[in-house]
Amino acid sequence: MYKLLKLIFVISAVFIFQKTSAQDKNDNINVIVIDAGHGGKDSGAVGKKSKEKDITLAIALRLGKYIKENLPDVKVIYTRKTDKFIELHERSEIADRNNADLFISIHVNASTKKSVTGTSTFIMGLNKADKQLDVVKRENSVILIEDNYKTKYEGFDPNSPESDIIFSLYQNAYLDKSIRLAELVQEEFKQKAKRTDRDVRQAGLVVLWNCAMPSILIETGFITNPSEELFLNSKNGQAIIASAIYRAIKKYKYETEHQNKIIKSEKKVTFKIQLAFSGKKIDTKPENFKGIKNVECVEDGRYYRYFTGNTKSYEEIAKLQKKVQKKIPDAYIIAVNNGKLITIKKALQILNN
């Protein structure tokens, strides 16, 4: 079993490196793929008067319209523009084939409690909190209506906890950028759209697992809540949701491109290991981080990030990562330049120049 997992890890790691190296041609936001969740024979969540697949399509098309009208330098690509069934793997492959810079998947949530409302934005990860399990099971169960799904998804079974191993090989490539985009979306929902904020969350979602770019899945509200279902089906409600996502994308685009202009002239790069991020502040004592010492806490907007290590040598940080991952398997390397996060590739380019 160990040898098999090691082989999977090596093959997948090479695959990820090839994809990220090919895709990371520059850091401008030129192509955005908008994914309307579900479609065709897959209705998604169902309310009293509507289906998720119809709401997501309406919001996706409106979002694309806002981007085209206000960001003319950005190319918008839809995974679907009609009531059509698209397999989950094909959605991310559309983004990969078009060298997309962002992947935005739009969904509608559901609950057994009709009183539950609010928006949440998911990034790829292995957070196993019970409150995420319903979303994960519902969104991932779509693959069960696809042909030969175990072959297409490398043995992944949405009902098998062992499949988390596969997700752990894919989750970190663009995690920081995905987190930042998700944070901006939730800020817009809360501050401008006045929606109930259910926070940024991590989950093992199939539609995000193979994206070679920053990617998020947005739950725009609860179709099982009567008032929220009415809101999401209204032209005004769809406009409010789409415009909030558009504003977040616009801010992310500006931050990313502006930051890249600044760092071209800077050569003060350091590497760290990110251990965790949380909406609550955690004491940095070793017992809270499985015995890891010298943990640093950095407040980033509404969130706290926790790091260890601080070196200008990528070789040194890579060695430290191996030690840290024995205690925290999801720990990963980040690069900082002039106080701002940048990609590892960009950091190495700056150092080499």
Protein backbone atom coordinates (compact mmCIF):
# COMPACT_ATOMS: atom_id res chain seq x y z
CA MET A 1 0.00 0.00 0.00
CA TYR A 2 2.81 2.40 0.95
CA LYS A 3 4.65 1.79 -2.33
CA LEU A 4 1.46 2.39 -4.29
CA LEU A 5 0.78 5.69 -2.52
CA LYS A 6 4.39 6.75 -3.03
CA LEU A 7 4.10 5.99 -6.75
CA ILE A 8 0.83 7.95 -6.99
CA PHE A 9 2.48 10.89 -5.24
CA VAL A 10 5.51 10.95 -7.55
CA ILE A 11 3.45 10.68 -10.74
CA SER A 12 0.95 13.30 -9.59
CA ALA A 13 3.65 15.67 -8.40
CA VAL A 14 5.34 15.57 -11.81
CA PHE A 15 1.97 16.09 -13.50
CA ILE A 16 1.20 19.12 -11.33
CA PHE A 17 4.65 20.62 -11.93
CA GLN A 18 4.23 20.28 -15.69
CA LYS A 19 0.79 21.86 -15.64
CA THR A 20 1.70 24.78 -13.36
CA SER A 21 4.92 25.48 -15.26
CA ALA A 22 3.09 25.55 -18.58
CA GLN A 23 0.22 27.64 -17.29
CA ASP A 24 2.23 30.19 -15.32
CA LYS A 25 3.36 32.10 -18.41
CA ASN A 26 2.62 35.42 -16.72
CA ASP A 27 0.58 36.69 -13.81
CA ASN A 28 -1.89 38.88 -15.67
CA ILE A 29 -5.60 38.04 -15.56
CA ASN A 30 -6.39 37.58 -19.25
CA VAL A 31 -8.74 34.58 -19.35
CA ILE A 32 -11.52 33.70 -16.90
CA VAL A 33 -13.59 30.52 -17.06
CA ILE A 34 -17.06 30.78 -15.54
CA ASP A 35 -18.63 27.46 -14.61
CA ALA A 36 -22.40 27.30 -14.10
CA GLY A 37 -22.80 24.33 -11.76
CA HIS A 38 -24.85 21.27 -12.76
CA GLY A 39 -27.03 21.27 -15.92
CA GLY A 40 -28.97 18.91 -18.17
CA LYS A 41 -29.81 15.63 -16.43
CA ASP A 42 -28.11 16.96 -13.29
CA SER A 43 -30.55 19.39 -11.65
CA GLY A 44 -28.45 20.06 -8.58
CA ALA A 45 -30.26 21.16 -5.43
CA VAL A 46 -34.02 21.60 -5.78
CA GLY A 47 -36.23 24.15 -4.05
CA LYS A 48 -39.99 24.52 -3.97
CA LYS A 49 -40.13 26.47 -7.21
CA SER A 50 -36.74 26.14 -8.89
CA LYS A 51 -33.66 24.08 -9.66
CA GLU A 52 -30.04 24.93 -8.92
CA LYS A 53 -28.93 24.38 -12.52
CA ASP A 54 -31.16 27.22 -13.78
CA ILE A 55 -30.09 29.73 -11.12
CA THR A 56 -26.38 29.05 -11.60
CA LEU A 57 -26.66 29.50 -15.38
CA ALA A 58 -28.47 32.82 -15.03
CA ILE A 59 -25.87 34.16 -12.58
CA ALA A 60 -22.96 32.85 -14.67
CA LEU A 61 -24.20 34.54 -17.85
CA ARG A 62 -24.81 37.82 -16.03
CA LEU A 63 -21.35 37.68 -14.43
CA GLY A 64 -19.76 37.12 -17.82
CA LYS A 65 -21.68 40.08 -19.21
CA TYR A 66 -20.36 42.38 -16.46
CA ILE A 67 -16.78 41.25 -17.06
CA LYS A 68 -17.02 41.72 -20.82
CA GLU A 69 -18.53 45.19 -20.47
CA ASN A 70 -16.13 46.49 -17.82
CA LEU A 71 -12.91 44.51 -18.34
CA PRO A 72 -12.53 44.45 -22.14
CA ASP A 73 -8.99 43.03 -21.93
CA VAL A 74 -10.33 39.84 -20.30
CA LYS A 75 -11.59 36.89 -22.33
CA VAL A 76 -14.60 35.12 -20.79
CA ILE A 77 -15.18 31.41 -21.43
CA TYR A 78 -18.24 29.52 -20.16
CA THR A 79 -18.25 25.80 -19.39
CA ARG A 80 -21.88 25.90 -20.50
CA LYS A 81 -24.24 28.55 -21.86
CA THR A 82 -27.33 26.35 -22.07
CA ASP A 83 -29.06 23.64 -20.03
CA LYS A 84 -26.40 21.05 -20.81
CA PHE A 85 -24.76 18.32 -18.71
CA ILE A 86 -20.98 18.75 -18.42
CA GLU A 87 -18.91 16.14 -16.57
CA LEU A 88 -16.94 17.52 -13.63
CA HIS A 89 -13.51 16.68 -15.06
CA GLU A 90 -14.40 18.41 -18.33
CA ARG A 91 -15.12 21.70 -16.52
CA SER A 92 -11.57 22.06 -15.23
CA GLU A 93 -10.17 20.72 -18.51
CA ILE A 94 -11.93 23.55 -20.37
CA ALA A 95 -10.04 25.97 -18.14
CA ASP A 96 -6.74 24.13 -18.63
CA ARG A 97 -7.08 23.94 -22.42
CA ASN A 98 -7.68 27.68 -22.61
CA ASN A 99 -4.82 28.58 -20.25
CA ALA A 100 -7.30 30.27 -17.94
CA ASP A 101 -6.04 32.55 -15.19
CA LEU A 102 -9.11 32.06 -12.97
CA PHE A 103 -11.79 29.38 -12.61
CA ILE A 104 -15.07 30.44 -10.99
CA SER A 105 -17.65 27.71 -10.29
CA ILE A 106 -21.12 28.97 -9.31
CA HIS A 107 -23.53 26.91 -7.20
CA VAL A 108 -26.54 27.13 -4.90
CA ASN A 109 -26.56 25.55 -1.45
CA ALA A 110 -29.19 23.41 0.30
CA SER A 111 -29.98 22.41 3.87
CA THR A 112 -32.47 20.27 5.75
CA LYS A 113 -33.17 23.39 7.85
CA LYS A 114 -35.24 25.93 5.96
CA SER A 115 -34.01 28.76 8.18
CA VAL A 116 -30.38 28.53 7.00
CA THR A 117 -29.23 31.34 4.69
CA GLY A 118 -26.04 32.91 3.41
CA THR A 119 -23.14 32.65 0.99
CA SER A 120 -19.87 30.77 1.28
CA THR A 121 -16.88 30.41 -1.01
CA PHE A 122 -14.90 27.18 -1.16
CA ILE A 123 -11.28 26.54 -2.06
CA MET A 124 -9.59 23.20 -2.61
CA GLY A 125 -8.53 21.54 0.64
CA LEU A 126 -9.05 18.72 3.08
CA ASN A 127 -11.04 20.38 5.84
CA LYS A 128 -13.13 17.51 7.21
CA ALA A 129 -15.39 19.55 9.47
CA ASP A 130 -18.87 18.06 9.62
CA LYS A 131 -20.46 21.31 8.45
CA GLN A 132 -18.67 20.92 5.09
CA LEU A 133 -19.56 17.27 4.51
CA ASP A 134 -23.05 17.90 3.15
CA VAL A 135 -21.71 20.29 0.50
CA VAL A 136 -18.85 17.96 -0.43
CA LYS A 137 -21.08 14.89 -0.77
CA ARG A 138 -23.72 16.75 -2.78
CA GLU A 139 -21.32 18.42 -5.21
CA ASN A 140 -19.06 15.39 -5.66
CA SER A 141 -21.92 12.90 -6.07
CA VAL A 142 -22.46 14.26 -9.58
CA ILE A 143 -19.70 11.97 -10.86
CA LEU A 144 -21.82 8.93 -10.00
CA ILE A 145 -24.04 9.67 -13.01
CA GLU A 146 -21.04 9.80 -15.34
CA ASP A 147 -19.80 6.79 -17.31
CA ASN A 148 -16.58 5.11 -16.11
CA TYR A 149 -16.11 7.68 -13.35
CA LYS A 150 -13.50 5.64 -11.43
CA THR A 151 -11.24 5.58 -14.49
CA LYS A 152 -11.71 9.29 -15.22
CA TYR A 153 -11.04 10.34 -11.64
CA GLU A 154 -8.08 8.07 -10.91
CA GLY A 155 -10.01 5.78 -8.61
CA PHE A 156 -11.78 8.53 -6.68
CA ASP A 157 -14.99 7.42 -5.00
CA PRO A 158 -17.06 10.18 -3.33
CA ASN A 159 -18.23 7.65 -0.74
CA SER A 160 -14.71 6.51 0.21
CA PRO A 161 -12.71 8.38 2.89
CA GLU A 162 -9.48 6.92 1.48
CA SER A 163 -9.95 9.10 -1.61
CA ASP A 164 -8.74 12.06 0.47
CA ILE A 165 -5.23 10.81 -0.36
CA ILE A 166 -5.76 11.73 -4.01
CA PHE A 167 -6.96 15.22 -3.11
CA SER A 168 -3.92 15.86 -0.91
CA LEU A 169 -1.70 15.65 -3.99
CA TYR A 170 -3.52 18.45 -5.80
CA GLN A 171 -4.63 20.99 -3.27
CA ASN A 172 -1.72 23.36 -2.76
CA ALA A 173 -0.54 24.55 -6.16
CA TYR A 174 -2.55 27.79 -6.19
CA LEU A 175 -3.96 27.75 -2.67
CA ASP A 176 -2.87 31.22 -1.54
CA LYS A 177 -4.21 32.93 -4.64
CA SER A 178 -7.46 30.99 -4.39
CA ILE A 179 -7.80 32.02 -0.75
CA ARG A 180 -7.32 35.69 -1.62
CA LEU A 181 -9.94 35.59 -4.39
CA ALA A 182 -12.36 33.77 -2.08
CA GLU A 183 -11.82 36.37 0.65
CA LEU A 184 -12.62 39.18 -1.76
CA VAL A 185 -15.81 37.45 -2.92
CA GLN A 186 -17.03 37.00 0.64
CA GLU A 187 -16.18 40.61 1.52
CA GLU A 188 -18.29 41.83 -1.40
CA PHE A 189 -21.19 39.57 -0.47
CA LYS A 190 -21.14 40.83 3.11
CA GLN A 191 -20.37 44.53 2.66
CA LYS A 192 -22.07 45.49 -0.60
CA ALA A 193 -24.58 42.73 -1.33
CA LYS A 194 -25.61 42.51 2.36
CA ARG A 195 -25.78 38.72 2.33
CA THR A 196 -25.21 36.53 5.40
CA ASP A 197 -21.50 35.68 5.49
CA ARG A 198 -20.78 31.96 5.91
CA ASP A 199 -17.05 32.48 5.38
CA VAL A 200 -14.28 31.01 3.20
CA ARG A 201 -14.06 27.24 3.58
CA GLN A 202 -11.83 24.39 2.44
CA ALA A 203 -13.22 21.16 1.03
CA GLY A 204 -12.24 18.30 -1.27
CA LEU A 205 -14.35 19.27 -4.29
CA VAL A 206 -13.84 17.31 -7.50
CA VAL A 207 -14.56 20.27 -9.79
CA LEU A 208 -11.57 22.16 -8.28
CA TRP A 209 -9.08 19.35 -7.79
CA ASN A 210 -7.41 19.44 -11.22
CA CYS A 211 -7.42 23.19 -11.93
CA ALA A 212 -4.02 24.56 -12.90
CA MET A 213 -4.96 28.09 -11.82
CA PRO A 214 -6.55 29.85 -8.83
CA SER A 215 -10.03 28.39 -8.50
CA ILE A 216 -13.05 28.81 -6.25
CA LEU A 217 -16.55 27.38 -5.86
CA ILE A 218 -19.21 29.87 -4.75
CA GLU A 219 -22.38 28.82 -2.94
CA THR A 220 -24.58 31.84 -3.68
CA GLY A 221 -27.34 31.10 -1.17
CA PHE A 222 -29.81 28.42 -0.04
CA ILE A 223 -32.47 27.21 -2.42
CA THR A 224 -34.14 25.48 0.55
CA ASN A 225 -34.81 28.82 2.26
CA PRO A 226 -38.04 30.29 0.84
CA SER A 227 -36.96 33.94 0.90
CA GLU A 228 -33.48 33.18 -0.42
CA GLU A 229 -34.88 30.98 -3.18
CA LEU A 230 -37.11 33.89 -4.21
CA PHE A 231 -34.13 36.26 -4.15
CA LEU A 232 -31.92 33.95 -6.24
CA ASN A 233 -34.64 33.51 -8.86
CA SER A 234 -35.26 37.24 -9.23
CA LYS A 235 -33.47 39.37 -11.84
CA ASN A 236 -32.49 41.81 -9.10
CA GLY A 237 -31.10 39.07 -6.85
CA GLN A 238 -29.08 37.55 -9.69
CA ALA A 239 -27.72 40.98 -10.56
CA ILE A 240 -26.67 41.61 -6.95
CA ILE A 241 -24.87 38.26 -6.70
CA ALA A 242 -23.17 38.57 -10.10
CA SER A 243 -22.06 42.16 -9.50
CA ALA A 244 -20.54 41.20 -6.12
CA ILE A 245 -18.50 38.43 -7.76
CA TYR A 246 -17.50 40.80 -10.57
CA ARG A 247 -16.23 43.44 -8.11
CA ALA A 248 -14.17 40.81 -6.30
CA ILE A 249 -12.61 39.67 -9.59
CA LYS A 250 -11.84 43.27 -10.54
CA LYS A 251 -10.10 43.89 -7.19
CA TYR A 252 -8.18 40.61 -7.46
CA LYS A 253 -7.06 41.47 -10.99
CA TYR A 254 -5.82 44.88 -9.90
CA GLU A 255 -4.02 43.51 -6.82
CA THR A 256 -2.33 40.74 -8.78
CA GLU A 257 -1.18 42.82 -11.74
CA HIS A 258 -0.19 45.84 -9.65
CA GLN A 259 1.80 43.66 -7.27
CA ASN A 260 3.63 42.01 -10.15
CA LYS A 261 4.75 45.41 -11.47
CA ILE A 262 6.17 46.30 -8.08
CA ILE A 263 8.12 43.10 -7.51
CA LYS A 264 10.00 43.25 -10.82
CA SER A 265 12.41 45.77 -9.32
CA GLU A 266 12.66 44.06 -5.91
CA LYS A 267 14.98 41.22 -4.95
CA LYS A 268 14.15 40.77 -1.27
CA VAL A 269 12.58 37.33 -1.38
CA THR A 270 12.10 34.96 1.55
CA PHE A 271 10.48 31.53 1.82
CA LYS A 272 8.26 30.27 4.64
CA ILE A 273 6.12 27.24 5.44
CA GLN A 274 2.40 27.96 5.81
CA LEU A 275 0.92 25.70 8.46
CA ALA A 276 -2.68 26.89 8.56
CA PHE A 277 -5.12 29.74 8.06
CA SER A 278 -8.10 30.43 10.28
CA GLY A 279 -10.88 32.91 10.94
CA LYS A 280 -9.98 32.77 14.64
CA LYS A 281 -6.70 33.71 16.29
CA ILE A 282 -4.79 30.73 17.68
CA ASP A 283 -2.05 30.90 20.30
CA THR A 284 1.24 30.07 18.55
CA LYS A 285 2.50 27.78 21.29
CA PRO A 286 3.91 24.47 19.95
CA GLU A 287 1.13 22.28 21.38
CA ASN A 288 -1.37 23.99 19.07
CA PHE A 289 0.74 23.08 16.02
CA LYS A 290 1.69 19.47 16.81
CA GLY A 291 4.93 20.45 18.52
CA ILE A 292 6.25 22.80 15.83
CA LYS A 293 8.16 25.70 17.36
CA ASN A 294 8.75 29.28 16.21
CA VAL A 295 5.27 29.67 14.70
CA GLU A 296 4.52 33.14 13.35
CA CYS A 297 0.99 34.56 13.12
CA VAL A 298 0.15 37.15 10.46
CA GLU A 299 -3.23 38.86 10.35
CA ASP A 300 -4.53 39.11 6.78
CA GLY A 301 -7.82 40.95 6.64
CA ARG A 302 -10.38 38.83 8.48
CA TYR A 303 -8.05 35.83 8.64
CA TYR A 304 -4.92 34.67 10.41
CA ARG A 305 -2.12 32.79 8.68
CA TYR A 306 0.42 30.70 10.56
CA PHE A 307 3.98 30.19 9.34
CA THR A 308 7.25 28.67 10.38
CA GLY A 309 10.69 29.08 8.84
CA ASN A 310 12.21 32.15 7.23
CA THR A 311 15.01 31.78 4.71
CA LYS A 312 16.23 33.13 1.38
CA SER A 313 17.21 29.62 0.28
CA TYR A 314 14.62 27.47 -1.48
CA GLU A 315 16.73 24.38 -0.78
CA GLU A 316 16.63 25.07 2.96
CA ILE A 317 12.88 25.66 3.04
CA ALA A 318 12.27 22.48 1.00
CA LYS A 319 14.19 20.46 3.60
CA LEU A 320 12.21 22.09 6.39
CA GLN A 321 8.94 21.32 4.60
CA LYS A 322 9.73 17.60 4.58
CA LYS A 323 10.21 17.67 8.37
CA VAL A 324 7.10 19.75 9.01
CA GLN A 325 4.89 17.60 6.78
CA LYS A 326 5.55 14.62 9.04
CA LYS A 327 3.41 16.47 11.60
CA ILE A 328 1.22 18.65 9.35
CA PRO A 329 0.90 16.92 5.94
CA ASP A 330 -0.86 19.89 4.33
CA ALA A 331 1.95 22.38 5.15
CA TYR A 332 3.34 24.03 2.03
CA ILE A 333 5.96 26.54 0.89
CA ILE A 334 5.06 30.16 0.23
CA ALA A 335 7.22 32.99 -1.09
CA VAL A 336 7.14 36.56 0.23
CA ASN A 337 8.48 39.62 -1.54
CA ASN A 338 8.38 43.04 0.07
CA GLY A 339 5.68 41.84 2.45
CA LYS A 340 3.46 40.39 -0.29
CA LEU A 341 2.79 36.79 -1.33
CA ILE A 342 4.09 35.78 -4.75
CA THR A 343 4.32 32.46 -6.61
CA ILE A 344 7.31 30.19 -6.04
CA LYS A 345 8.17 30.46 -9.72
CA LYS A 346 8.17 34.26 -9.56
CA ALA A 347 10.35 34.19 -6.44
CA LEU A 348 12.94 31.96 -8.12
CA GLN A 349 12.91 34.20 -11.21
CA ILE A 350 13.61 37.26 -9.08
CA LEU A 351 16.45 35.54 -7.23
CA ASN A 352 18.00 34.23 -10.45
CA ASN A 353 17.91 37.69 -12.01
